[in-house]
Amino acid sequence: MNLLRASGSDAFPDPGTDPRLLPDHLRQESNGEILRCCRAAATLGVHTLLPSGQRTLVRMHFYDKLSKAEISRRTGLSPSCVSKRIATALNTLRAFVGFCAEVYGALAREESCGGSCEAQIGN
């Protein structure tokens, strides 16, 4: 399944179009490979980690470009509830993307040292 082009009503475009879905330290990253990894992780996180309610709010706010007040009107949730649920979803996604970026970095370091990185662990 291509996670960047998932079908259905909860389909999301490439999350890299909105840098708020990435952890702060990755927003300005110039390495294209790590950004592709992060975008794939964000998409995976949206589809696998977020409950459907949070996923819907994230889609409405970041991809449909609706204000939190408009989301509140459409969903019947209070504006503060919308804000809190979106913030919770973003925290979850940022933590997951950050974790995936660390794993990617560790794998890249291991490849660059030709498998002799065991001695470098902890450095």
N, C-alpha and C. Protein backbone atom coordinates (compact mmCIF):
# COMPACT_ATOMS: atom_id res chain seq x y z
N MET A 1 0.85 -1.18 0.00
CA MET A 1 0.00 0.00 0.00
C MET A 1 0.89 1.24 0.00
N ASN A 2 0.64 2.14 -0.90
CA ASN A 2 1.39 3.38 -0.94
C ASN A 2 0.78 4.36 0.05
N LEU A 3 1.47 4.59 1.15
CA LEU A 3 0.91 5.42 2.22
C LEU A 3 0.79 6.89 1.82
N LEU A 4 1.55 7.32 0.83
CA LEU A 4 1.44 8.71 0.41
C LEU A 4 0.23 8.93 -0.48
N ARG A 5 -0.36 7.88 -0.98
CA ARG A 5 -1.50 8.01 -1.86
C ARG A 5 -2.62 7.06 -1.43
N ALA A 6 -2.87 6.98 -0.15
CA ALA A 6 -3.91 6.09 0.36
C ALA A 6 -5.27 6.53 -0.15
N SER A 7 -6.12 5.58 -0.41
CA SER A 7 -7.45 5.91 -0.92
C SER A 7 -8.43 6.01 0.23
N GLY A 8 -9.58 6.55 -0.05
CA GLY A 8 -10.63 6.67 0.96
C GLY A 8 -10.80 8.08 1.45
N SER A 9 -11.82 8.28 2.27
CA SER A 9 -12.14 9.63 2.73
C SER A 9 -11.10 10.19 3.68
N ASP A 10 -10.26 9.35 4.26
CA ASP A 10 -9.22 9.84 5.16
C ASP A 10 -7.87 9.98 4.46
N ALA A 11 -7.88 10.00 3.13
CA ALA A 11 -6.63 10.13 2.38
C ALA A 11 -6.00 11.49 2.63
N PHE A 12 -4.70 11.52 2.71
CA PHE A 12 -3.96 12.74 2.95
C PHE A 12 -2.94 12.95 1.84
N PRO A 13 -2.75 14.18 1.42
CA PRO A 13 -1.63 14.45 0.52
C PRO A 13 -0.32 14.39 1.31
N ASP A 14 0.77 14.58 0.66
CA ASP A 14 2.09 14.55 1.29
C ASP A 14 2.13 15.51 2.47
N PRO A 15 2.34 15.02 3.71
CA PRO A 15 2.36 15.91 4.87
C PRO A 15 3.49 16.92 4.84
N GLY A 16 4.46 16.73 3.98
CA GLY A 16 5.53 17.69 3.87
C GLY A 16 5.07 19.04 3.37
N THR A 17 3.83 19.10 2.87
CA THR A 17 3.32 20.38 2.42
C THR A 17 3.04 21.31 3.59
N ASP A 18 2.94 20.79 4.77
CA ASP A 18 2.74 21.61 5.96
C ASP A 18 3.80 21.27 6.98
N PRO A 19 4.81 22.13 7.15
CA PRO A 19 5.93 21.81 8.04
C PRO A 19 5.53 21.70 9.51
N ARG A 20 4.33 22.15 9.88
CA ARG A 20 3.93 22.04 11.28
C ARG A 20 3.77 20.59 11.71
N LEU A 21 3.70 19.67 10.77
CA LEU A 21 3.60 18.26 11.11
C LEU A 21 4.95 17.64 11.45
N LEU A 22 6.03 18.38 11.23
CA LEU A 22 7.38 17.89 11.51
C LEU A 22 7.89 18.48 12.82
N PRO A 23 8.76 17.76 13.52
CA PRO A 23 9.40 18.33 14.71
C PRO A 23 10.19 19.58 14.31
N ASP A 24 10.30 20.54 15.23
CA ASP A 24 10.97 21.81 14.95
C ASP A 24 12.34 21.64 14.31
N HIS A 25 13.18 20.75 14.86
CA HIS A 25 14.55 20.63 14.37
C HIS A 25 14.63 20.03 12.96
N LEU A 26 13.54 19.49 12.43
CA LEU A 26 13.56 18.92 11.09
C LEU A 26 12.93 19.84 10.04
N ARG A 27 12.33 20.93 10.49
CA ARG A 27 11.63 21.81 9.54
C ARG A 27 12.56 22.49 8.56
N GLN A 28 13.79 22.77 8.96
CA GLN A 28 14.75 23.46 8.10
C GLN A 28 15.80 22.51 7.53
N GLU A 29 15.62 21.24 7.72
CA GLU A 29 16.60 20.24 7.29
C GLU A 29 16.81 20.32 5.78
N SER A 30 18.06 20.33 5.36
CA SER A 30 18.37 20.44 3.93
C SER A 30 18.61 19.07 3.28
N ASN A 31 18.69 18.02 4.05
CA ASN A 31 18.93 16.68 3.52
C ASN A 31 17.63 16.11 2.96
N GLY A 32 17.57 15.97 1.65
CA GLY A 32 16.35 15.49 1.00
C GLY A 32 15.94 14.09 1.44
N GLU A 33 16.91 13.21 1.69
CA GLU A 33 16.60 11.85 2.10
C GLU A 33 15.89 11.82 3.45
N ILE A 34 16.40 12.58 4.40
CA ILE A 34 15.78 12.58 5.73
C ILE A 34 14.40 13.20 5.67
N LEU A 35 14.21 14.20 4.82
CA LEU A 35 12.88 14.79 4.68
C LEU A 35 11.89 13.80 4.07
N ARG A 36 12.33 13.03 3.10
CA ARG A 36 11.45 12.01 2.53
C ARG A 36 11.08 10.98 3.58
N CYS A 37 12.04 10.61 4.41
CA CYS A 37 11.78 9.68 5.50
C CYS A 37 10.75 10.27 6.47
N CYS A 38 10.93 11.54 6.81
CA CYS A 38 10.02 12.21 7.75
C CYS A 38 8.61 12.33 7.19
N ARG A 39 8.52 12.65 5.91
CA ARG A 39 7.20 12.78 5.28
C ARG A 39 6.49 11.43 5.25
N ALA A 40 7.23 10.39 4.94
CA ALA A 40 6.63 9.05 4.94
C ALA A 40 6.21 8.67 6.36
N ALA A 41 7.04 9.01 7.35
CA ALA A 41 6.70 8.71 8.75
C ALA A 41 5.46 9.49 9.18
N ALA A 42 5.36 10.75 8.79
CA ALA A 42 4.18 11.55 9.15
C ALA A 42 2.93 10.95 8.54
N THR A 43 3.01 10.52 7.29
CA THR A 43 1.86 9.90 6.65
C THR A 43 1.49 8.60 7.34
N LEU A 44 2.49 7.78 7.63
CA LEU A 44 2.25 6.54 8.35
C LEU A 44 1.62 6.82 9.71
N GLY A 45 2.16 7.82 10.42
CA GLY A 45 1.62 8.17 11.73
C GLY A 45 0.18 8.64 11.67
N VAL A 46 -0.14 9.45 10.68
CA VAL A 46 -1.52 9.93 10.53
C VAL A 46 -2.45 8.75 10.36
N HIS A 47 -2.06 7.79 9.54
CA HIS A 47 -2.94 6.66 9.22
C HIS A 47 -2.95 5.57 10.27
N THR A 48 -1.91 5.47 11.10
CA THR A 48 -1.84 4.35 12.03
C THR A 48 -1.90 4.74 13.50
N LEU A 49 -1.45 5.92 13.85
CA LEU A 49 -1.38 6.30 15.26
C LEU A 49 -2.57 7.12 15.74
N LEU A 50 -3.11 7.94 14.86
CA LEU A 50 -4.17 8.85 15.29
C LEU A 50 -5.53 8.18 15.26
N PRO A 51 -6.30 8.37 16.32
CA PRO A 51 -7.69 7.90 16.27
C PRO A 51 -8.43 8.64 15.16
N SER A 52 -9.50 8.05 14.66
CA SER A 52 -10.19 8.64 13.50
C SER A 52 -10.64 10.07 13.76
N GLY A 53 -11.05 10.40 14.97
CA GLY A 53 -11.49 11.76 15.27
C GLY A 53 -10.35 12.77 15.13
N GLN A 54 -9.19 12.44 15.66
CA GLN A 54 -8.03 13.32 15.52
C GLN A 54 -7.59 13.41 14.07
N ARG A 55 -7.62 12.28 13.38
CA ARG A 55 -7.23 12.24 11.97
C ARG A 55 -8.13 13.18 11.16
N THR A 56 -9.41 13.16 11.44
CA THR A 56 -10.35 14.03 10.74
C THR A 56 -10.06 15.49 11.03
N LEU A 57 -9.79 15.83 12.28
CA LEU A 57 -9.49 17.22 12.64
C LEU A 57 -8.20 17.70 11.97
N VAL A 58 -7.18 16.85 11.95
CA VAL A 58 -5.92 17.21 11.30
C VAL A 58 -6.16 17.44 9.81
N ARG A 59 -6.94 16.55 9.20
CA ARG A 59 -7.23 16.71 7.77
C ARG A 59 -7.97 18.03 7.51
N MET A 60 -8.97 18.31 8.33
CA MET A 60 -9.75 19.53 8.14
C MET A 60 -8.88 20.79 8.30
N HIS A 61 -8.01 20.78 9.30
CA HIS A 61 -7.22 21.98 9.60
C HIS A 61 -6.04 22.16 8.64
N PHE A 62 -5.27 21.10 8.42
CA PHE A 62 -4.04 21.23 7.65
C PHE A 62 -4.23 21.05 6.15
N TYR A 63 -5.17 20.22 5.75
CA TYR A 63 -5.30 19.94 4.33
C TYR A 63 -6.50 20.64 3.70
N ASP A 64 -7.59 20.74 4.45
CA ASP A 64 -8.75 21.48 3.94
C ASP A 64 -8.64 22.96 4.25
N LYS A 65 -7.62 23.32 5.06
CA LYS A 65 -7.31 24.72 5.42
C LYS A 65 -8.47 25.42 6.13
N LEU A 66 -9.19 24.67 6.96
CA LEU A 66 -10.27 25.26 7.74
C LEU A 66 -9.73 25.81 9.05
N SER A 67 -10.29 26.92 9.47
CA SER A 67 -9.91 27.47 10.78
C SER A 67 -10.46 26.58 11.88
N LYS A 68 -9.89 26.72 13.06
CA LYS A 68 -10.39 25.94 14.19
C LYS A 68 -11.83 26.33 14.53
N ALA A 69 -12.18 27.59 14.33
CA ALA A 69 -13.56 28.03 14.57
C ALA A 69 -14.52 27.36 13.59
N GLU A 70 -14.12 27.25 12.33
CA GLU A 70 -14.97 26.59 11.33
C GLU A 70 -15.09 25.10 11.62
N ILE A 71 -13.99 24.49 12.04
CA ILE A 71 -14.04 23.07 12.41
C ILE A 71 -14.99 22.89 13.58
N SER A 72 -14.93 23.79 14.53
CA SER A 72 -15.83 23.75 15.68
C SER A 72 -17.29 23.80 15.24
N ARG A 73 -17.57 24.72 14.33
CA ARG A 73 -18.95 24.83 13.83
C ARG A 73 -19.39 23.56 13.10
N ARG A 74 -18.51 23.00 12.31
CA ARG A 74 -18.88 21.82 11.51
C ARG A 74 -18.99 20.55 12.34
N THR A 75 -18.19 20.44 13.39
CA THR A 75 -18.17 19.19 14.17
C THR A 75 -19.02 19.25 15.43
N GLY A 76 -19.34 20.46 15.87
CA GLY A 76 -20.08 20.59 17.12
C GLY A 76 -19.20 20.54 18.35
N LEU A 77 -17.90 20.44 18.16
CA LEU A 77 -16.98 20.46 19.29
C LEU A 77 -16.68 21.91 19.67
N SER A 78 -16.35 22.14 20.91
CA SER A 78 -15.99 23.50 21.33
C SER A 78 -14.66 23.88 20.69
N PRO A 79 -14.41 25.18 20.48
CA PRO A 79 -13.13 25.59 19.91
C PRO A 79 -11.94 25.11 20.74
N SER A 80 -12.06 25.14 22.06
CA SER A 80 -10.93 24.68 22.89
C SER A 80 -10.70 23.18 22.72
N CYS A 81 -11.77 22.42 22.56
CA CYS A 81 -11.65 20.98 22.35
C CYS A 81 -10.95 20.70 21.01
N VAL A 82 -11.33 21.44 19.97
CA VAL A 82 -10.69 21.29 18.66
C VAL A 82 -9.21 21.58 18.78
N SER A 83 -8.86 22.68 19.43
CA SER A 83 -7.45 23.06 19.59
C SER A 83 -6.67 22.00 20.36
N LYS A 84 -7.24 21.50 21.45
CA LYS A 84 -6.55 20.50 22.26
C LYS A 84 -6.35 19.20 21.50
N ARG A 85 -7.36 18.78 20.76
CA ARG A 85 -7.24 17.52 20.01
C ARG A 85 -6.23 17.64 18.87
N ILE A 86 -6.20 18.78 18.21
CA ILE A 86 -5.21 18.98 17.15
C ILE A 86 -3.81 19.03 17.76
N ALA A 87 -3.66 19.72 18.88
CA ALA A 87 -2.35 19.80 19.55
C ALA A 87 -1.89 18.41 19.98
N THR A 88 -2.77 17.61 20.51
CA THR A 88 -2.43 16.24 20.91
C THR A 88 -1.99 15.42 19.71
N ALA A 89 -2.73 15.55 18.61
CA ALA A 89 -2.38 14.82 17.39
C ALA A 89 -1.00 15.25 16.88
N LEU A 90 -0.73 16.55 16.90
CA LEU A 90 0.57 17.05 16.43
C LEU A 90 1.70 16.56 17.31
N ASN A 91 1.49 16.55 18.62
CA ASN A 91 2.52 16.04 19.53
C ASN A 91 2.82 14.57 19.24
N THR A 92 1.78 13.79 19.00
CA THR A 92 1.95 12.38 18.67
C THR A 92 2.74 12.22 17.38
N LEU A 93 2.35 12.97 16.35
CA LEU A 93 3.03 12.88 15.05
C LEU A 93 4.47 13.34 15.12
N ARG A 94 4.71 14.45 15.82
CA ARG A 94 6.09 14.96 15.93
C ARG A 94 6.99 13.98 16.65
N ALA A 95 6.49 13.36 17.70
CA ALA A 95 7.29 12.37 18.44
C ALA A 95 7.60 11.17 17.55
N PHE A 96 6.61 10.71 16.81
CA PHE A 96 6.81 9.56 15.92
C PHE A 96 7.78 9.90 14.79
N VAL A 97 7.60 11.06 14.18
CA VAL A 97 8.50 11.48 13.10
C VAL A 97 9.92 11.65 13.63
N GLY A 98 10.05 12.24 14.80
CA GLY A 98 11.38 12.39 15.41
C GLY A 98 12.04 11.05 15.66
N PHE A 99 11.27 10.09 16.15
CA PHE A 99 11.80 8.75 16.37
C PHE A 99 12.25 8.13 15.06
N CYS A 100 11.41 8.23 14.03
CA CYS A 100 11.77 7.66 12.72
C CYS A 100 13.02 8.33 12.15
N ALA A 101 13.14 9.63 12.35
CA ALA A 101 14.33 10.35 11.86
C ALA A 101 15.58 9.86 12.59
N GLU A 102 15.47 9.59 13.88
CA GLU A 102 16.61 9.06 14.63
C GLU A 102 17.00 7.68 14.13
N VAL A 103 16.01 6.84 13.87
CA VAL A 103 16.29 5.51 13.34
C VAL A 103 16.96 5.63 11.97
N TYR A 104 16.42 6.50 11.11
CA TYR A 104 17.00 6.71 9.79
C TYR A 104 18.45 7.17 9.93
N GLY A 105 18.70 8.13 10.82
CA GLY A 105 20.06 8.63 11.03
C GLY A 105 21.00 7.54 11.51
N ALA A 106 20.53 6.70 12.42
CA ALA A 106 21.36 5.61 12.92
C ALA A 106 21.69 4.62 11.81
N LEU A 107 20.71 4.31 10.98
CA LEU A 107 20.96 3.39 9.87
C LEU A 107 21.93 4.00 8.86
N ALA A 108 21.78 5.29 8.60
CA ALA A 108 22.67 5.97 7.66
C ALA A 108 24.10 5.99 8.20
N ARG A 109 24.26 6.23 9.50
CA ARG A 109 25.60 6.22 10.10
C ARG A 109 26.22 4.83 10.02
N GLU A 110 25.41 3.81 10.26
CA GLU A 110 25.91 2.44 10.21
C GLU A 110 26.36 2.09 8.79
N GLU A 111 25.58 2.51 7.79
CA GLU A 111 25.97 2.25 6.40
C GLU A 111 27.25 2.99 6.04
N SER A 112 27.39 4.22 6.54
CA SER A 112 28.55 5.02 6.15
C SER A 112 29.85 4.52 6.77
N CYS A 113 29.75 3.76 7.87
CA CYS A 113 30.98 3.27 8.49
C CYS A 113 31.24 1.81 8.13
N GLY A 114 30.51 1.29 7.16
CA GLY A 114 30.78 -0.05 6.66
C GLY A 114 30.54 -1.16 7.65
N GLY A 115 29.61 -0.97 8.59
CA GLY A 115 29.29 -2.03 9.54
C GLY A 115 30.21 -2.10 10.73
N SER A 116 31.17 -1.18 10.83
CA SER A 116 32.11 -1.21 11.97
C SER A 116 31.71 -0.19 13.03
N CYS A 117 30.44 0.10 13.12
CA CYS A 117 29.97 1.15 14.04
C CYS A 117 29.80 0.66 15.47
N GLU A 118 29.91 -0.63 15.70
CA GLU A 118 29.70 -1.12 17.06
C GLU A 118 30.63 -0.42 18.04
N ALA A 119 31.83 -0.13 17.60
CA ALA A 119 32.79 0.55 18.47
C ALA A 119 32.43 2.00 18.71
N GLN A 120 31.59 2.58 17.84
CA GLN A 120 31.22 3.98 17.96
C GLN A 120 29.97 4.20 18.79
N ILE A 121 29.28 3.15 19.18
CA ILE A 121 28.05 3.29 19.95
C ILE A 121 28.36 4.03 21.26
N GLY A 122 27.56 5.02 21.52
CA GLY A 122 27.75 5.83 22.72
C GLY A 122 28.63 7.03 22.50
N ASN A 123 29.21 7.18 21.32
CA ASN A 123 30.06 8.35 21.03
C ASN A 123 29.27 9.45 20.42
